[in-house]
Amino acid sequence: MSSWWFQFVRKYVWNDERTPYHVSPGQMRKTQAHNEVFFYVVFEGTLVGLVTLGALIQVYTTHETEYLPVLGYGCFLLVALYFLVSRKSPWAVLYSASLPVLVFGVFFLYDFHPNNMYLDKLLLSGFLVCWLIYTTRLFKICRKYPDMEDASK
């Protein structure tokens, strides 16, 4: 006999249709793939949108051009995320996978914040590696998306 809370976990957290993270890309249906891609786009789009908005505000208020590359990259990344959620384009996944690589490059070029301890650097680097590994799963999903069966079948 299971606990009463496990019904809610099964319904909202570990649902085969809404959260198919334990289903391999070859066995997914189109609705499962769409739900997983949509969650990724919401996650990355929120981060990129906030940074892009901050860069836009900085450029608009100070008229400095040093944030223009961040603004341009953020806008192109938001467009790529739109194509990712609407067309499931593998090229959009590759472009969105450039974000953790770029953040790694910025960290190693300009170094981490001086107040970050070793554990902070390790956790942040581990998060970026997991993010990059997850984009390979997303690439497989988008590559197999046209061949997936519909949920109505």
Foldseek 3Di string as FASTA:
>chain_A
DDDPCVVVCCVPPVDCQQAVPVDALVQDALSSLLNVLVVVLVVLLVVLVVQLVVLVVCCVPVVDCPSVVSNVLSVVLNVLSVCCNPVVDLVSLVSVLVVLVVVVVCCVVVNDDPPDDPVNVVVVNVVSVVVNVVSVSSSSNSVCNVVHHHPVD
